[in-house]
Amino acid sequence: MKSLIPVFLILSFLLISCQSEKKQPDFDSLPISAQTISLLGDTLKTDIQAIPQQYLIRIDSLSKLSFQEDRILDHMIWEARKTAYAGDYRQAVQLFTDAINEFPEEPRLYRHRGHRYITLRAFDLAINDFQRAARLFEGEEDLTEKDGLPNDQDIPLSTLQTNTWYHLGLAHYLKGEYEQANLAYENGLQVALNTDMQVAFLYWKYMSLRKSGKDTEAGKLLEQISPDMSLIENTSYHELLLVFKGVFSPDQILSEENSELDNATLGYGLGFWHHINGRTERAEQIWQRVYDAGNWAAFGYIASEAELALKN
């Protein structure tokens, strides 16, 4: 499918994104054992033992397959993704950079490197990469992106374009640039072809609108959300949207069986729900709990971290 996003939307997005850049992490000053510095000033390191082995096995097999089939670019992408899954995000960024030096017009490389810049809290660098990817794939056929760890139905749900707009919106959101985030999510909704991706975009778009004070517009988004929606992956986002809508209570989505990723996602979303309803202290308690859990590469963790950084 070719990108159907109107040129004026992309141009508008690029124009409002031209802002002064915030200070990025100084990676050269970090010890070799560290990955980055959190927004609260803590040194972040990777616990290799905590990396699920199924991720590493899956990525390694895909990397070897692409190498055997002489798809050099695919092989470079999978090798860098494998490095990131192993927790060495700085090295993954370097591998993507090396690949970009060889294939400077390949949008996938900028999309993937931008993702890992978010992990490293280098949001401005991430935004630059996603914007570059969007310019490169404009008018081109979209590409399905295989997952490192497939879902239960082994159906890839995201694409180069949906991933680019999703992560671009997130980078802006984490910087507090909610208008830019909202526009990125609007672009993403135009190319999202399944319910899972639509729910993901609606979740972050709703919060961006609420953060921008556009409560009425945000409320209209919730009209698209119902309890009987069929999803494969993004059930946490769906459940949180139902909480925002008043259909679910928070007690219905909290479970000891949740994964660490689910807990970070749900924790940030529930903290947001308390915050917009005036329960600031409760929100900060939940966000602090997410931060203390230490799953620092999760987007819910980074968003909780960004919220806590605002009060410091």
Protein backbone atom coordinates (compact mmCIF):
# COMPACT_ATOMS: atom_id res chain seq x y z
CA MET A 1 0.00 0.00 0.00
CA LYS A 2 1.33 3.42 -0.90
CA SER A 3 1.49 6.17 1.68
CA LEU A 4 -1.79 8.11 1.46
CA ILE A 5 -0.89 10.88 3.87
CA PRO A 6 -1.47 14.29 2.26
CA VAL A 7 1.68 16.26 1.61
CA PHE A 8 0.28 19.24 3.51
CA LEU A 9 0.08 17.15 6.69
CA ILE A 10 3.72 16.14 6.42
CA LEU A 11 4.79 19.70 5.64
CA SER A 12 2.72 21.06 8.53
CA PHE A 13 4.28 18.50 10.81
CA LEU A 14 7.80 19.40 9.78
CA LEU A 15 7.14 23.11 10.18
CA ILE A 16 5.83 22.89 13.74
CA SER A 17 8.63 20.50 14.65
CA CYS A 18 11.35 23.08 14.05
CA GLN A 19 12.11 23.93 17.67
CA SER A 20 15.28 24.37 19.66
CA GLU A 21 16.71 21.03 20.67
CA LYS A 22 17.03 20.00 24.29
CA LYS A 23 20.28 18.66 25.62
CA GLN A 24 20.91 15.04 24.65
CA PRO A 25 22.66 12.43 26.81
CA ASP A 26 26.44 12.70 26.64
CA PHE A 27 27.23 9.12 25.71
CA ASP A 28 30.97 9.72 25.50
CA SER A 29 31.12 10.56 29.20
CA LEU A 30 29.33 7.37 30.30
CA PRO A 31 31.20 4.32 31.60
CA ILE A 32 31.27 1.42 29.18
CA SER A 33 28.89 -0.57 31.41
CA ALA A 34 26.18 2.11 31.21
CA GLN A 35 23.66 2.69 28.45
CA THR A 36 22.35 6.17 29.21
CA ILE A 37 21.17 8.60 31.88
CA SER A 38 17.51 8.74 32.86
CA LEU A 39 15.56 12.00 32.82
CA LEU A 40 15.89 11.94 36.60
CA GLY A 41 19.68 11.69 36.44
CA ASP A 42 20.10 7.98 37.19
CA THR A 43 22.61 5.86 35.29
CA LEU A 44 20.80 3.11 33.38
CA LYS A 45 22.43 -0.25 32.81
CA THR A 46 21.19 -3.47 31.21
CA ASP A 47 20.63 -6.66 33.16
CA ILE A 48 21.54 -9.21 30.51
CA GLN A 49 20.02 -12.00 32.61
CA ALA A 50 16.62 -10.30 32.33
CA ILE A 51 16.51 -10.47 28.52
CA PRO A 52 14.05 -13.19 27.39
CA GLN A 53 16.05 -15.79 25.48
CA GLN A 54 13.24 -16.32 22.98
CA TYR A 55 13.88 -12.80 21.70
CA LEU A 56 17.53 -13.51 21.08
CA ILE A 57 16.90 -16.90 19.46
CA ARG A 58 14.22 -15.46 17.14
CA ILE A 59 16.34 -12.49 16.07
CA ASP A 60 19.42 -14.63 15.56
CA SER A 61 17.54 -17.00 13.27
CA LEU A 62 16.14 -14.14 11.17
CA SER A 63 19.56 -12.53 10.93
CA LYS A 64 21.18 -15.76 9.75
CA LEU A 65 18.39 -16.36 7.23
CA SER A 66 18.78 -12.94 5.65
CA PHE A 67 22.55 -13.44 5.47
CA GLN A 68 22.16 -16.84 3.80
CA GLU A 69 19.80 -15.33 1.25
CA ASP A 70 22.31 -12.58 0.51
CA ARG A 71 20.05 -9.80 1.72
CA ILE A 72 22.84 -7.71 3.16
CA LEU A 73 20.68 -4.77 4.26
CA ASP A 74 18.16 -7.06 5.97
CA HIS A 75 21.01 -8.86 7.69
CA MET A 76 22.44 -5.57 9.00
CA ILE A 77 19.02 -4.55 10.33
CA TRP A 78 18.48 -7.84 12.14
CA GLU A 79 21.98 -7.84 13.61
CA ALA A 80 21.37 -4.35 15.03
CA ARG A 81 17.93 -5.36 16.31
CA LYS A 82 19.44 -8.44 17.96
CA THR A 83 22.01 -6.24 19.67
CA ALA A 84 19.24 -3.99 20.96
CA TYR A 85 17.19 -6.94 22.22
CA ALA A 86 20.27 -8.06 24.13
CA GLY A 87 20.21 -4.68 25.88
CA ASP A 88 23.19 -2.99 24.22
CA TYR A 89 21.26 -0.05 22.79
CA ARG A 90 24.31 2.15 22.28
CA GLN A 91 25.96 -0.51 20.13
CA ALA A 92 22.71 -1.04 18.24
CA VAL A 93 22.63 2.67 17.39
CA GLN A 94 26.19 2.41 16.12
CA LEU A 95 25.31 -0.59 13.95
CA PHE A 96 22.35 1.27 12.46
CA THR A 97 24.62 4.26 11.85
CA ASP A 98 27.15 2.04 10.06
CA ALA A 99 24.35 0.69 7.89
CA ILE A 100 23.11 4.22 7.14
CA ASN A 101 26.59 5.11 5.91
CA GLU A 102 26.21 2.33 3.34
CA PHE A 103 22.50 2.81 2.57
CA PRO A 104 21.76 6.49 3.29
CA GLU A 105 18.41 6.47 1.45
CA GLU A 106 16.91 3.48 3.31
CA PRO A 107 14.01 4.66 5.56
CA ARG A 108 13.97 1.46 7.63
CA LEU A 109 17.37 2.27 9.08
CA TYR A 110 16.28 5.69 10.34
CA ARG A 111 13.04 4.26 11.75
CA HIS A 112 14.92 1.59 13.73
CA ARG A 113 17.71 3.88 14.90
CA GLY A 114 15.12 6.45 15.99
CA HIS A 115 13.43 3.78 18.11
CA ARG A 116 16.66 3.12 19.98
CA TYR A 117 17.36 6.81 20.39
CA ILE A 118 14.08 6.94 22.31
CA THR A 119 15.30 4.09 24.53
CA LEU A 120 18.47 6.11 25.19
CA ARG A 121 16.45 9.27 25.97
CA ALA A 122 17.90 11.09 22.95
CA PHE A 123 14.50 12.35 21.82
CA ASP A 124 15.66 15.07 19.43
CA LEU A 125 17.92 12.65 17.58
CA ALA A 126 14.99 10.22 17.39
CA ILE A 127 12.70 12.90 15.96
CA ASN A 128 15.27 13.78 13.29
CA ASP A 129 15.50 10.13 12.25
CA PHE A 130 11.74 9.58 12.06
CA GLN A 131 11.27 12.73 10.01
CA ARG A 132 13.98 11.56 7.64
CA ALA A 133 12.29 8.15 7.33
CA ALA A 134 8.92 9.83 6.59
CA ARG A 135 10.45 11.93 3.83
CA LEU A 136 12.09 8.88 2.29
CA PHE A 137 9.00 6.66 2.24
CA GLU A 138 6.56 9.36 1.11
CA GLY A 139 4.58 8.01 -1.85
CA GLU A 140 6.13 4.54 -1.56
CA GLU A 141 4.52 1.18 -0.87
CA ASP A 142 4.34 0.39 2.83
CA LEU A 143 6.32 -2.56 4.21
CA THR A 144 5.22 -5.03 6.87
CA GLU A 145 7.79 -5.35 9.65
CA LYS A 146 8.37 -8.74 11.24
CA ASP A 147 8.39 -8.82 15.02
CA GLY A 148 11.33 -9.99 17.08
CA LEU A 149 8.94 -12.11 19.13
CA PRO A 150 5.74 -12.97 17.22
CA ASN A 151 2.33 -12.64 18.82
CA ASP A 152 0.24 -15.71 19.63
CA GLN A 153 -1.20 -15.79 16.11
CA ASP A 154 2.16 -15.13 14.42
CA ILE A 155 0.65 -12.19 12.53
CA PRO A 156 2.84 -9.09 12.11
CA LEU A 157 0.64 -6.07 12.76
CA SER A 158 2.90 -3.07 12.23
CA THR A 159 4.59 -1.61 9.19
CA LEU A 160 7.43 0.74 8.38
CA GLN A 161 5.03 3.67 8.18
CA THR A 162 2.90 2.91 11.24
CA ASN A 163 6.02 2.31 13.31
CA THR A 164 7.58 5.55 12.12
CA TRP A 165 4.52 7.68 12.96
CA TYR A 166 3.93 5.84 16.24
CA HIS A 167 7.46 6.34 17.52
CA LEU A 168 7.68 9.89 16.19
CA GLY A 169 4.54 10.78 18.12
CA LEU A 170 5.97 9.14 21.23
CA ALA A 171 9.24 11.07 21.01
CA HIS A 172 7.32 14.35 20.85
CA TYR A 173 4.99 13.25 23.64
CA LEU A 174 7.91 12.45 25.92
CA LYS A 175 9.28 15.95 25.28
CA GLY A 176 5.94 17.52 26.14
CA GLU A 177 5.33 18.55 22.51
CA TYR A 178 1.74 17.41 22.41
CA GLU A 179 0.61 19.24 19.26
CA GLN A 180 3.37 17.58 17.25
CA ALA A 181 2.59 14.23 18.86
CA ASN A 182 -1.08 14.58 17.98
CA LEU A 183 -0.27 15.26 14.31
CA ALA A 184 2.06 12.25 14.13
CA TYR A 185 -0.67 10.01 15.54
CA GLU A 186 -3.17 11.45 13.06
CA ASN A 187 -0.78 10.54 10.25
CA GLY A 188 -0.44 7.06 11.73
CA LEU A 189 -4.19 6.50 11.86
CA GLN A 190 -4.36 7.15 8.13
CA VAL A 191 -2.09 4.20 7.36
CA ALA A 192 -3.11 1.83 10.20
CA LEU A 193 -4.83 -1.17 8.63
CA ASN A 194 -5.80 -3.22 11.70
CA THR A 195 -7.55 -2.70 15.02
CA ASP A 196 -4.41 -3.23 17.08
CA MET A 197 -2.53 -0.36 15.48
CA GLN A 198 -5.61 1.87 15.45
CA VAL A 199 -6.05 1.33 19.19
CA ALA A 200 -2.36 2.11 19.81
CA PHE A 201 -2.63 5.40 17.94
CA LEU A 202 -5.95 6.32 19.59
CA TYR A 203 -4.46 5.67 23.04
CA TRP A 204 -1.54 8.06 22.65
CA LYS A 205 -3.59 10.54 20.62
CA TYR A 206 -6.20 10.71 23.38
CA MET A 207 -3.54 11.52 25.95
CA SER A 208 -1.88 14.07 23.65
CA LEU A 209 -5.22 15.85 23.22
CA ARG A 210 -5.92 15.84 26.94
CA LYS A 211 -2.44 17.19 27.60
CA SER A 212 -3.17 19.95 25.07
CA GLY A 213 -6.41 20.87 26.82
CA LYS A 214 -8.54 19.58 23.92
CA ASP A 215 -10.85 17.55 26.14
CA THR A 216 -13.87 17.61 23.83
CA GLU A 217 -11.88 16.37 20.86
CA ALA A 218 -10.30 13.69 23.04
CA GLY A 219 -13.70 12.56 24.23
CA LYS A 220 -14.88 12.09 20.65
CA LEU A 221 -12.00 9.68 20.05
CA LEU A 222 -13.37 7.40 22.76
CA GLU A 223 -16.55 6.94 20.72
CA GLN A 224 -14.48 4.62 18.51
CA ILE A 225 -13.65 2.35 21.47
CA SER A 226 -15.92 -0.50 22.58
CA PRO A 227 -15.43 -3.50 24.89
CA ASP A 228 -16.06 -6.02 22.10
CA MET A 229 -13.17 -4.93 19.88
CA SER A 230 -11.04 -7.87 18.74
CA LEU A 231 -7.30 -7.41 19.34
CA ILE A 232 -4.23 -9.60 19.16
CA GLU A 233 -1.56 -7.54 20.98
CA ASN A 234 -2.59 -4.13 22.25
CA THR A 235 -5.03 -5.27 24.91
CA SER A 236 -3.44 -3.06 27.59
CA TYR A 237 -4.01 0.08 25.51
CA HIS A 238 -7.59 -1.08 24.85
CA GLU A 239 -8.29 -1.67 28.53
CA LEU A 240 -6.87 1.72 29.47
CA LEU A 241 -9.03 3.45 26.85
CA LEU A 242 -12.04 1.71 28.41
CA VAL A 243 -10.97 3.09 31.80
CA PHE A 244 -10.71 6.58 30.27
CA LYS A 245 -14.18 6.05 28.80
CA GLY A 246 -15.61 4.96 32.15
CA VAL A 247 -16.51 1.46 30.96
CA PHE A 248 -13.83 -0.32 33.00
CA SER A 249 -12.61 0.41 36.50
CA PRO A 250 -8.86 0.25 37.25
CA ASP A 251 -9.40 -2.84 39.39
CA GLN A 252 -10.53 -4.77 36.32
CA ILE A 253 -7.21 -4.48 34.53
CA LEU A 254 -4.74 -5.02 37.37
CA SER A 255 -3.48 -8.57 37.72
CA GLU A 256 -0.50 -10.34 39.26
CA GLU A 257 -0.23 -12.28 36.00
CA ASN A 258 0.69 -9.16 34.03
CA SER A 259 4.10 -9.08 32.41
CA GLU A 260 6.65 -6.41 33.34
CA LEU A 261 5.86 -4.64 30.07
CA ASP A 262 2.13 -4.74 30.80
CA ASN A 263 2.74 -3.37 34.29
CA ALA A 264 4.75 -0.44 32.89
CA THR A 265 2.09 0.26 30.27
CA LEU A 266 -0.83 -0.03 32.68
CA GLY A 267 1.03 1.87 35.39
CA TYR A 268 1.66 4.88 33.21
CA GLY A 269 -1.89 4.86 31.84
CA LEU A 270 -3.52 4.57 35.26
CA GLY A 271 -1.27 7.31 36.59
CA PHE A 272 -2.37 9.49 33.68
CA TRP A 273 -6.02 8.73 34.46
CA HIS A 274 -5.60 9.80 38.08
CA HIS A 275 -3.68 12.90 36.98
CA ILE A 276 -6.32 14.19 34.56
CA ASN A 277 -8.95 13.64 37.23
CA GLY A 278 -7.09 15.85 39.69
CA ARG A 279 -5.50 13.13 41.83
CA THR A 280 -1.94 14.31 41.26
CA GLU A 281 -0.43 12.72 44.34
CA ARG A 282 -1.89 9.31 43.50
CA ALA A 283 -0.66 9.64 39.91
CA GLU A 284 2.88 10.39 41.05
CA GLN A 285 2.83 7.42 43.42
CA ILE A 286 1.93 5.09 40.56
CA TRP A 287 4.52 6.58 38.23
CA GLN A 288 7.16 6.26 40.96
CA ARG A 289 6.23 2.60 41.40
CA VAL A 290 6.73 2.05 37.66
CA TYR A 291 10.10 3.82 37.83
CA ASP A 292 11.23 1.81 40.85
CA ALA A 293 10.39 -1.45 39.07
CA GLY A 294 13.36 -0.78 36.78
CA ASN A 295 12.04 -1.92 33.38
CA TRP A 296 13.64 1.19 31.92
CA ALA A 297 13.39 0.37 28.20
CA ALA A 298 9.57 0.11 28.30
CA PHE A 299 7.67 3.06 26.88
CA GLY A 300 5.36 3.16 29.91
CA TYR A 301 8.45 3.43 32.08
CA ILE A 302 9.95 6.25 30.02
CA ALA A 303 6.63 8.13 30.05
CA SER A 304 6.37 7.71 33.84
CA GLU A 305 9.95 8.92 34.14
CA ALA A 306 9.16 11.98 32.03
CA GLU A 307 6.19 12.83 34.24
CA LEU A 308 8.28 12.55 37.39
CA ALA A 309 10.99 14.69 35.81
CA LEU A 310 8.49 17.51 35.31
CA LYS A 311 8.12 18.08 39.05
CA ASN A 312 11.88 18.09 39.73
